[in-house]
Amino acid sequence: MSTALEAELLVHLDEQIKSARHLLKLVLAQGAAIRERDTEAVLARLSDIQSEMVRRGSLEQERTALLQRAGAALGIPATAVTLERLCTLITPGAARAAMERSAELRGLLAEIAREHGINRALMRQE
């Protein structure tokens, strides 16, 4: 069991969740600005969202590196690493925590996608 990999995975998931929460907050604020027809605020939130997406890009690079290390430890390509497979490399407690964080992250990302879709529809109406 790799405690370094375990710690890295949990910290990475926490950072992904933190970023997703921030992005959701920005998307919701943008939606409010669209509804209020506040062009300046809409553009400001768009800029904030773009900045957060740059940060998410660096998180994706970290995720790729994590998957490569896990793949090497498992003897499989990084593209074949799943969370379930990665969890075989860490303690059961950390595996449960990782699964919970992953589920929370997926929920946040789905909510962001939904709200972003609503914002796009609102923009087309305006």
C-alpha atoms as a PDB file:
ATOM      1  CA  MET A   1       0.000   0.000   0.000  1.00  0.00           C
ATOM      2  CA  SER A   2       1.373   3.364  -0.985  1.00  0.00           C
ATOM      3  CA  THR A   3       0.774   6.005   1.655  1.00  0.00           C
ATOM      4  CA  ALA A   4       2.305   8.645  -0.642  1.00  0.00           C
ATOM      5  CA  LEU A   5      -0.133   7.730  -3.420  1.00  0.00           C
ATOM      6  CA  GLU A   6      -2.966   7.620  -0.895  1.00  0.00           C
ATOM      7  CA  ALA A   7      -2.210  11.107   0.422  1.00  0.00           C
ATOM      8  CA  GLU A   8      -1.717  12.471  -3.082  1.00  0.00           C
ATOM      9  CA  LEU A   9      -5.030  11.021  -4.272  1.00  0.00           C
ATOM     10  CA  LEU A  10      -7.035  12.434  -1.369  1.00  0.00           C
ATOM     11  CA  VAL A  11      -5.397  15.867  -1.596  1.00  0.00           C
ATOM     12  CA  HIS A  12      -5.970  15.885  -5.352  1.00  0.00           C
ATOM     13  CA  LEU A  13      -9.651  15.022  -4.956  1.00  0.00           C
ATOM     14  CA  ASP A  14      -9.998  17.751  -2.311  1.00  0.00           C
ATOM     15  CA  GLU A  15      -8.444  20.278  -4.707  1.00  0.00           C
ATOM     16  CA  GLN A  16     -10.745  19.135  -7.518  1.00  0.00           C
ATOM     17  CA  ILE A  17     -13.778  19.550  -5.227  1.00  0.00           C
ATOM     18  CA  LYS A  18     -12.613  22.976  -4.072  1.00  0.00           C
ATOM     19  CA  SER A  19     -12.175  24.086  -7.685  1.00  0.00           C
ATOM     20  CA  ALA A  20     -15.543  22.651  -8.736  1.00  0.00           C
ATOM     21  CA  ARG A  21     -17.314  24.401  -5.856  1.00  0.00           C
ATOM     22  CA  HIS A  22     -15.685  27.682  -6.855  1.00  0.00           C
ATOM     23  CA  LEU A  23     -16.621  27.146 -10.494  1.00  0.00           C
ATOM     24  CA  LEU A  24     -20.229  26.374  -9.525  1.00  0.00           C
ATOM     25  CA  LYS A  25     -20.358  29.571  -7.461  1.00  0.00           C
ATOM     26  CA  LEU A  26     -19.117  31.547 -10.480  1.00  0.00           C
ATOM     27  CA  VAL A  27     -21.568  29.905 -12.883  1.00  0.00           C
ATOM     28  CA  LEU A  28     -24.453  30.616 -10.498  1.00  0.00           C
ATOM     29  CA  ALA A  29     -23.320  34.248 -10.161  1.00  0.00           C
ATOM     30  CA  GLN A  30     -23.125  34.515 -13.923  1.00  0.00           C
ATOM     31  CA  GLY A  31     -26.670  33.167 -14.188  1.00  0.00           C
ATOM     32  CA  ALA A  32     -27.874  35.804 -11.732  1.00  0.00           C
ATOM     33  CA  ALA A  33     -26.102  38.504 -13.740  1.00  0.00           C
ATOM     34  CA  ILE A  34     -27.692  37.254 -16.967  1.00  0.00           C
ATOM     35  CA  ARG A  35     -31.140  37.352 -15.374  1.00  0.00           C
ATOM     36  CA  GLU A  36     -30.472  40.902 -14.144  1.00  0.00           C
ATOM     37  CA  ARG A  37     -29.204  41.879 -17.600  1.00  0.00           C
ATOM     38  CA  ASP A  38     -25.994  43.141 -15.987  1.00  0.00           C
ATOM     39  CA  THR A  39     -23.615  42.941 -18.932  1.00  0.00           C
ATOM     40  CA  GLU A  40     -20.560  44.046 -16.945  1.00  0.00           C
ATOM     41  CA  ALA A  41     -21.143  41.398 -14.296  1.00  0.00           C
ATOM     42  CA  VAL A  42     -21.760  38.716 -16.953  1.00  0.00           C
ATOM     43  CA  LEU A  43     -18.428  39.546 -18.595  1.00  0.00           C
ATOM     44  CA  ALA A  44     -16.630  39.726 -15.246  1.00  0.00           C
ATOM     45  CA  ARG A  45     -17.946  36.265 -14.270  1.00  0.00           C
ATOM     46  CA  LEU A  46     -16.954  34.934 -17.688  1.00  0.00           C
ATOM     47  CA  SER A  47     -13.415  36.145 -17.033  1.00  0.00           C
ATOM     48  CA  ASP A  48     -13.470  34.537 -13.568  1.00  0.00           C
ATOM     49  CA  ILE A  49     -14.773  31.286 -15.047  1.00  0.00           C
ATOM     50  CA  GLN A  50     -12.014  31.301 -17.675  1.00  0.00           C
ATOM     51  CA  SER A  51      -9.399  31.799 -14.934  1.00  0.00           C
ATOM     52  CA  GLU A  52     -10.812  28.876 -12.958  1.00  0.00           C
ATOM     53  CA  MET A  53     -10.793  26.721 -16.084  1.00  0.00           C
ATOM     54  CA  VAL A  54      -7.064  27.440 -16.479  1.00  0.00           C
ATOM     55  CA  ARG A  55      -6.598  26.263 -12.879  1.00  0.00           C
ATOM     56  CA  ARG A  56      -8.656  23.155 -13.643  1.00  0.00           C
ATOM     57  CA  GLY A  57      -6.334  22.494 -16.572  1.00  0.00           C
ATOM     58  CA  SER A  58      -3.382  22.278 -14.187  1.00  0.00           C
ATOM     59  CA  LEU A  59      -5.429  19.984 -11.929  1.00  0.00           C
ATOM     60  CA  GLU A  60      -5.996  17.741 -14.943  1.00  0.00           C
ATOM     61  CA  GLN A  61      -2.227  17.598 -15.507  1.00  0.00           C
ATOM     62  CA  GLU A  62      -1.812  16.524 -11.870  1.00  0.00           C
ATOM     63  CA  ARG A  63      -4.555  13.932 -12.362  1.00  0.00           C
ATOM     64  CA  THR A  64      -2.758  12.544 -15.416  1.00  0.00           C
ATOM     65  CA  ALA A  65       0.509  12.247 -13.473  1.00  0.00           C
ATOM     66  CA  LEU A  66      -1.310  10.508 -10.624  1.00  0.00           C
ATOM     67  CA  LEU A  67      -2.886   8.045 -13.057  1.00  0.00           C
ATOM     68  CA  GLN A  68       0.499   7.374 -14.654  1.00  0.00           C
ATOM     69  CA  ARG A  69       2.037   6.526 -11.259  1.00  0.00           C
ATOM     70  CA  ALA A  70      -0.935   4.345 -10.357  1.00  0.00           C
ATOM     71  CA  GLY A  71      -0.761   2.624 -13.739  1.00  0.00           C
ATOM     72  CA  ALA A  72       2.920   1.888 -13.217  1.00  0.00           C
ATOM     73  CA  ALA A  73       2.189   0.445  -9.762  1.00  0.00           C
ATOM     74  CA  LEU A  74      -0.641  -1.675 -11.184  1.00  0.00           C
ATOM     75  CA  GLY A  75       1.279  -2.707 -14.297  1.00  0.00           C
ATOM     76  CA  ILE A  76      -1.339  -1.244 -16.637  1.00  0.00           C
ATOM     77  CA  PRO A  77      -1.485   1.828 -18.891  1.00  0.00           C
ATOM     78  CA  ALA A  78      -2.599   5.057 -17.224  1.00  0.00           C
ATOM     79  CA  THR A  79      -5.628   5.109 -19.522  1.00  0.00           C
ATOM     80  CA  ALA A  80      -6.829   1.827 -17.967  1.00  0.00           C
ATOM     81  CA  VAL A  81      -6.638   3.089 -14.370  1.00  0.00           C
ATOM     82  CA  THR A  82     -10.033   3.467 -12.750  1.00  0.00           C
ATOM     83  CA  LEU A  83     -10.746   4.728  -9.267  1.00  0.00           C
ATOM     84  CA  GLU A  84     -11.672   1.189  -8.279  1.00  0.00           C
ATOM     85  CA  ARG A  85      -8.310  -0.121  -9.490  1.00  0.00           C
ATOM     86  CA  LEU A  86      -6.456   2.763  -7.860  1.00  0.00           C
ATOM     87  CA  CYS A  87      -8.212   1.983  -4.574  1.00  0.00           C
ATOM     88  CA  THR A  88      -6.555  -1.451  -4.525  1.00  0.00           C
ATOM     89  CA  LEU A  89      -3.261   0.378  -3.915  1.00  0.00           C
ATOM     90  CA  ILE A  90      -4.407   2.242  -0.799  1.00  0.00           C
ATOM     91  CA  THR A  91      -5.900   1.442   2.597  1.00  0.00           C
ATOM     92  CA  PRO A  92      -9.607   0.575   2.826  1.00  0.00           C
ATOM     93  CA  GLY A  93     -10.342   3.754   4.812  1.00  0.00           C
ATOM     94  CA  ALA A  94      -8.648   5.938   2.236  1.00  0.00           C
ATOM     95  CA  ALA A  95     -10.415   4.025  -0.536  1.00  0.00           C
ATOM     96  CA  ARG A  96     -13.809   4.784   1.039  1.00  0.00           C
ATOM     97  CA  ALA A  97     -12.844   8.457   1.421  1.00  0.00           C
ATOM     98  CA  ALA A  98     -11.690   8.573  -2.219  1.00  0.00           C
ATOM     99  CA  MET A  99     -14.943   7.014  -3.443  1.00  0.00           C
ATOM    100  CA  GLU A 100     -16.989   9.520  -1.408  1.00  0.00           C
ATOM    101  CA  ARG A 101     -14.965  12.462  -2.701  1.00  0.00           C
ATOM    102  CA  SER A 102     -15.224  11.179  -6.256  1.00  0.00           C
ATOM    103  CA  ALA A 103     -19.017  10.905  -5.955  1.00  0.00           C
ATOM    104  CA  GLU A 104     -19.192  14.456  -4.566  1.00  0.00           C
ATOM    105  CA  LEU A 105     -17.013  15.730  -7.419  1.00  0.00           C
ATOM    106  CA  ARG A 106     -19.160  14.004 -10.050  1.00  0.00           C
ATOM    107  CA  GLY A 107     -22.257  15.594  -8.512  1.00  0.00           C
ATOM    108  CA  LEU A 108     -20.677  19.048  -8.552  1.00  0.00           C
ATOM    109  CA  LEU A 109     -19.560  18.665 -12.159  1.00  0.00           C
ATOM    110  CA  ALA A 110     -23.065  17.569 -13.192  1.00  0.00           C
ATOM    111  CA  GLU A 111     -24.547  20.601 -11.424  1.00  0.00           C
ATOM    112  CA  ILE A 112     -22.035  22.911 -13.127  1.00  0.00           C
ATOM    113  CA  ALA A 113     -22.911  21.445 -16.523  1.00  0.00           C
ATOM    114  CA  ARG A 114     -26.640  21.863 -15.855  1.00  0.00           C
ATOM    115  CA  GLU A 115     -26.295  25.478 -14.682  1.00  0.00           C
ATOM    116  CA  HIS A 116     -23.966  26.310 -17.569  1.00  0.00           C
ATOM    117  CA  GLY A 117     -26.571  24.922 -19.982  1.00  0.00           C
ATOM    118  CA  ILE A 118     -29.233  27.097 -18.352  1.00  0.00           C
ATOM    119  CA  ASN A 119     -26.962  30.138 -18.657  1.00  0.00           C
ATOM    120  CA  ARG A 120     -26.382  29.441 -22.333  1.00  0.00           C
ATOM    121  CA  ALA A 121     -30.120  29.164 -22.941  1.00  0.00           C
ATOM    122  CA  LEU A 122     -30.707  32.437 -21.076  1.00  0.00           C
ATOM    123  CA  MET A 123     -28.029  34.166 -23.152  1.00  0.00           C
ATOM    124  CA  ARG A 124     -29.669  32.979 -26.383  1.00  0.00           C
ATOM    125  CA  GLN A 125     -33.000  34.401 -25.170  1.00  0.00           C
ATOM    126  CA  GLU A 126     -31.442  37.786 -24.467  1.00  0.00           C
END
